[in-house]
Amino acid sequence: QVQVVESGGGSVQPGGSQRISCFASGNTNSINVIAWYRQPPGKQRELVASINNEDMTHYADPMKGRVTISRDYSNNTVYLEMNDLKPDDTAVYSCMALFNNYSDRSWGRGTQVTVSS
């Protein structure tokens, strides 16, 4: 089994930056893709970015150009660096691990990022 745990959320002022982390434990060799999603208050969850085990990245429209996803294999952690944050970026950011069978997945509980002055 694989577990993913997010950390690093908090409050940030508009225009600021925040880095959040997703730590994977367990049978991490079974992970193919790690993705970050977010769910703003009262809205549906949406994809932010993903990275696969060949370090190919994908960025979705909500934050494209303002985020960078990276993977540190030495500590089984995927980072999401977010820049030029806006109040509309306020959301619960969750990490999802997609396994090599492209079917099973594991979700973290999420970390709150609040952008406010």
C-alpha atoms as a PDB file:
ATOM      1  CA  GLN A   1       0.000   0.000   0.000  1.00  0.00           C
ATOM      2  CA  VAL A   2       0.969   3.591  -0.529  1.00  0.00           C
ATOM      3  CA  GLN A   3       0.135   6.563   1.637  1.00  0.00           C
ATOM      4  CA  VAL A   4       0.599  10.188   0.686  1.00  0.00           C
ATOM      5  CA  VAL A   5       0.690  13.026   3.175  1.00  0.00           C
ATOM      6  CA  GLU A   6       0.671  16.724   2.343  1.00  0.00           C
ATOM      7  CA  SER A   7       2.379  19.465   4.296  1.00  0.00           C
ATOM      8  CA  GLY A   8       3.426  23.073   3.971  1.00  0.00           C
ATOM      9  CA  GLY A   9       0.110  24.859   3.640  1.00  0.00           C
ATOM     10  CA  GLY A  10      -0.712  28.079   5.427  1.00  0.00           C
ATOM     11  CA  SER A  11      -1.549  31.710   4.902  1.00  0.00           C
ATOM     12  CA  VAL A  12       0.208  33.879   2.347  1.00  0.00           C
ATOM     13  CA  GLN A  13      -0.320  37.388   1.054  1.00  0.00           C
ATOM     14  CA  PRO A  14      -1.351  38.062  -2.536  1.00  0.00           C
ATOM     15  CA  GLY A  15       1.671  38.008  -4.809  1.00  0.00           C
ATOM     16  CA  GLY A  16       3.528  35.733  -2.448  1.00  0.00           C
ATOM     17  CA  SER A  17       4.901  32.235  -2.857  1.00  0.00           C
ATOM     18  CA  GLN A  18       4.310  28.949  -1.101  1.00  0.00           C
ATOM     19  CA  ARG A  19       5.803  25.491  -1.436  1.00  0.00           C
ATOM     20  CA  ILE A  20       3.791  22.478  -0.434  1.00  0.00           C
ATOM     21  CA  SER A  21       5.017  18.917  -0.171  1.00  0.00           C
ATOM     22  CA  CYS A  22       3.629  15.452  -0.752  1.00  0.00           C
ATOM     23  CA  PHE A  23       5.446  12.638   1.007  1.00  0.00           C
ATOM     24  CA  ALA A  24       4.818   9.077  -0.189  1.00  0.00           C
ATOM     25  CA  SER A  25       5.393   6.011   1.936  1.00  0.00           C
ATOM     26  CA  GLY A  26       4.904   2.307   1.438  1.00  0.00           C
ATOM     27  CA  ASN A  27       5.393   0.567  -1.890  1.00  0.00           C
ATOM     28  CA  THR A  28       6.447   3.719  -3.720  1.00  0.00           C
ATOM     29  CA  ASN A  29       7.763   1.682  -6.655  1.00  0.00           C
ATOM     30  CA  SER A  30       4.128   1.076  -7.583  1.00  0.00           C
ATOM     31  CA  ILE A  31       3.512   4.788  -8.164  1.00  0.00           C
ATOM     32  CA  ASN A  32       3.425   6.005 -11.735  1.00  0.00           C
ATOM     33  CA  VAL A  33       2.104   9.545 -11.355  1.00  0.00           C
ATOM     34  CA  ILE A  34       1.857  12.012  -8.508  1.00  0.00           C
ATOM     35  CA  ALA A  35      -0.645  14.795  -9.059  1.00  0.00           C
ATOM     36  CA  TRP A  36      -1.683  17.883  -7.170  1.00  0.00           C
ATOM     37  CA  TYR A  37      -5.340  18.859  -7.116  1.00  0.00           C
ATOM     38  CA  ARG A  38      -7.075  21.729  -5.406  1.00  0.00           C
ATOM     39  CA  GLN A  39     -10.604  22.413  -4.239  1.00  0.00           C
ATOM     40  CA  PRO A  40     -11.530  26.056  -3.692  1.00  0.00           C
ATOM     41  CA  PRO A  41     -14.376  26.790  -1.273  1.00  0.00           C
ATOM     42  CA  GLY A  42     -17.722  25.867  -2.818  1.00  0.00           C
ATOM     43  CA  LYS A  43     -16.145  24.592  -6.029  1.00  0.00           C
ATOM     44  CA  GLN A  44     -15.207  21.259  -7.533  1.00  0.00           C
ATOM     45  CA  ARG A  45     -11.791  19.733  -7.240  1.00  0.00           C
ATOM     46  CA  GLU A  46      -9.496  20.514 -10.153  1.00  0.00           C
ATOM     47  CA  LEU A  47      -6.114  19.349 -11.367  1.00  0.00           C
ATOM     48  CA  VAL A  48      -3.181  21.691 -10.819  1.00  0.00           C
ATOM     49  CA  ALA A  49      -0.136  19.708 -11.978  1.00  0.00           C
ATOM     50  CA  SER A  50       1.274  16.208 -12.262  1.00  0.00           C
ATOM     51  CA  ILE A  51       4.591  14.449 -12.658  1.00  0.00           C
ATOM     52  CA  ASN A  52       5.233  10.871 -13.719  1.00  0.00           C
ATOM     53  CA  ASN A  53       8.052   8.464 -12.968  1.00  0.00           C
ATOM     54  CA  GLU A  54       9.913   9.676 -16.047  1.00  0.00           C
ATOM     55  CA  ASP A  55       9.744  13.221 -14.684  1.00  0.00           C
ATOM     56  CA  MET A  56       7.355  14.329 -17.393  1.00  0.00           C
ATOM     57  CA  THR A  57       5.234  17.155 -16.074  1.00  0.00           C
ATOM     58  CA  HIS A  58       1.816  18.493 -16.923  1.00  0.00           C
ATOM     59  CA  TYR A  59       0.314  21.775 -15.822  1.00  0.00           C
ATOM     60  CA  ALA A  60      -3.375  22.547 -15.906  1.00  0.00           C
ATOM     61  CA  ASP A  61      -4.858  25.918 -16.731  1.00  0.00           C
ATOM     62  CA  PRO A  62      -5.786  27.242 -13.296  1.00  0.00           C
ATOM     63  CA  MET A  63      -2.191  27.881 -12.288  1.00  0.00           C
ATOM     64  CA  LYS A  64      -0.124  27.267 -15.421  1.00  0.00           C
ATOM     65  CA  GLY A  65       2.900  29.535 -15.501  1.00  0.00           C
ATOM     66  CA  ARG A  66       2.773  30.150 -11.782  1.00  0.00           C
ATOM     67  CA  VAL A  67       3.561  26.686 -10.437  1.00  0.00           C
ATOM     68  CA  THR A  68       6.395  24.204 -10.701  1.00  0.00           C
ATOM     69  CA  ILE A  69       6.101  20.552  -9.755  1.00  0.00           C
ATOM     70  CA  SER A  70       9.219  18.592  -8.910  1.00  0.00           C
ATOM     71  CA  ARG A  71      10.107  15.212  -7.495  1.00  0.00           C
ATOM     72  CA  ASP A  72      12.849  14.247  -5.046  1.00  0.00           C
ATOM     73  CA  TYR A  73      13.334  10.509  -5.295  1.00  0.00           C
ATOM     74  CA  SER A  74      15.783  10.425  -2.390  1.00  0.00           C
ATOM     75  CA  ASN A  75      13.049  11.304   0.097  1.00  0.00           C
ATOM     76  CA  ASN A  76       9.944  10.187  -1.820  1.00  0.00           C
ATOM     77  CA  THR A  77       8.585  13.705  -1.938  1.00  0.00           C
ATOM     78  CA  VAL A  78       6.879  15.742  -4.640  1.00  0.00           C
ATOM     79  CA  TYR A  79       6.870  19.495  -4.285  1.00  0.00           C
ATOM     80  CA  LEU A  80       4.552  22.129  -5.686  1.00  0.00           C
ATOM     81  CA  GLU A  81       6.103  25.578  -5.800  1.00  0.00           C
ATOM     82  CA  MET A  82       3.441  28.249  -6.239  1.00  0.00           C
ATOM     83  CA  ASN A  83       4.232  31.848  -7.153  1.00  0.00           C
ATOM     84  CA  ASP A  84       2.310  35.075  -7.611  1.00  0.00           C
ATOM     85  CA  LEU A  85      -0.521  33.694  -5.541  1.00  0.00           C
ATOM     86  CA  LYS A  86      -3.948  35.253  -5.791  1.00  0.00           C
ATOM     87  CA  PRO A  87      -6.962  35.146  -3.462  1.00  0.00           C
ATOM     88  CA  ASP A  88      -8.670  32.816  -5.967  1.00  0.00           C
ATOM     89  CA  ASP A  89      -5.895  30.297  -5.310  1.00  0.00           C
ATOM     90  CA  THR A  90      -7.277  29.777  -1.815  1.00  0.00           C
ATOM     91  CA  ALA A  91      -8.105  26.085  -1.647  1.00  0.00           C
ATOM     92  CA  VAL A  92      -7.396  22.744  -0.078  1.00  0.00           C
ATOM     93  CA  TYR A  93      -4.518  21.269  -2.047  1.00  0.00           C
ATOM     94  CA  SER A  94      -4.456  17.484  -2.196  1.00  0.00           C
ATOM     95  CA  CYS A  95      -1.922  15.008  -3.441  1.00  0.00           C
ATOM     96  CA  MET A  96      -2.893  11.903  -5.402  1.00  0.00           C
ATOM     97  CA  ALA A  97      -0.737   8.920  -6.298  1.00  0.00           C
ATOM     98  CA  LEU A  98      -1.754   6.964  -9.392  1.00  0.00           C
ATOM     99  CA  PHE A  99      -0.401   3.447  -9.449  1.00  0.00           C
ATOM    100  CA  ASN A 100       1.234   1.627 -12.336  1.00  0.00           C
ATOM    101  CA  ASN A 101      -2.049  -0.090 -13.242  1.00  0.00           C
ATOM    102  CA  TYR A 102      -3.476   3.376 -14.051  1.00  0.00           C
ATOM    103  CA  SER A 103      -6.534   2.480 -11.999  1.00  0.00           C
ATOM    104  CA  ASP A 104      -5.791   2.400  -8.312  1.00  0.00           C
ATOM    105  CA  ARG A 105      -4.946   5.611  -6.566  1.00  0.00           C
ATOM    106  CA  SER A 106      -4.251   6.960  -3.116  1.00  0.00           C
ATOM    107  CA  TRP A 107      -5.298  10.383  -1.880  1.00  0.00           C
ATOM    108  CA  GLY A 108      -3.926  12.507   0.901  1.00  0.00           C
ATOM    109  CA  ARG A 109      -6.115  14.516   3.249  1.00  0.00           C
ATOM    110  CA  GLY A 110      -5.022  17.835   1.838  1.00  0.00           C
ATOM    111  CA  THR A 111      -3.386  20.982   3.083  1.00  0.00           C
ATOM    112  CA  GLN A 112      -5.085  24.373   3.268  1.00  0.00           C
ATOM    113  CA  VAL A 113      -3.545  27.309   1.413  1.00  0.00           C
ATOM    114  CA  THR A 114      -5.140  30.674   2.104  1.00  0.00           C
ATOM    115  CA  VAL A 115      -4.203  33.736   0.088  1.00  0.00           C
ATOM    116  CA  SER A 116      -5.328  36.888   1.832  1.00  0.00           C
ATOM    117  CA  SER A 117      -4.087  40.304   2.799  1.00  0.00           C
END
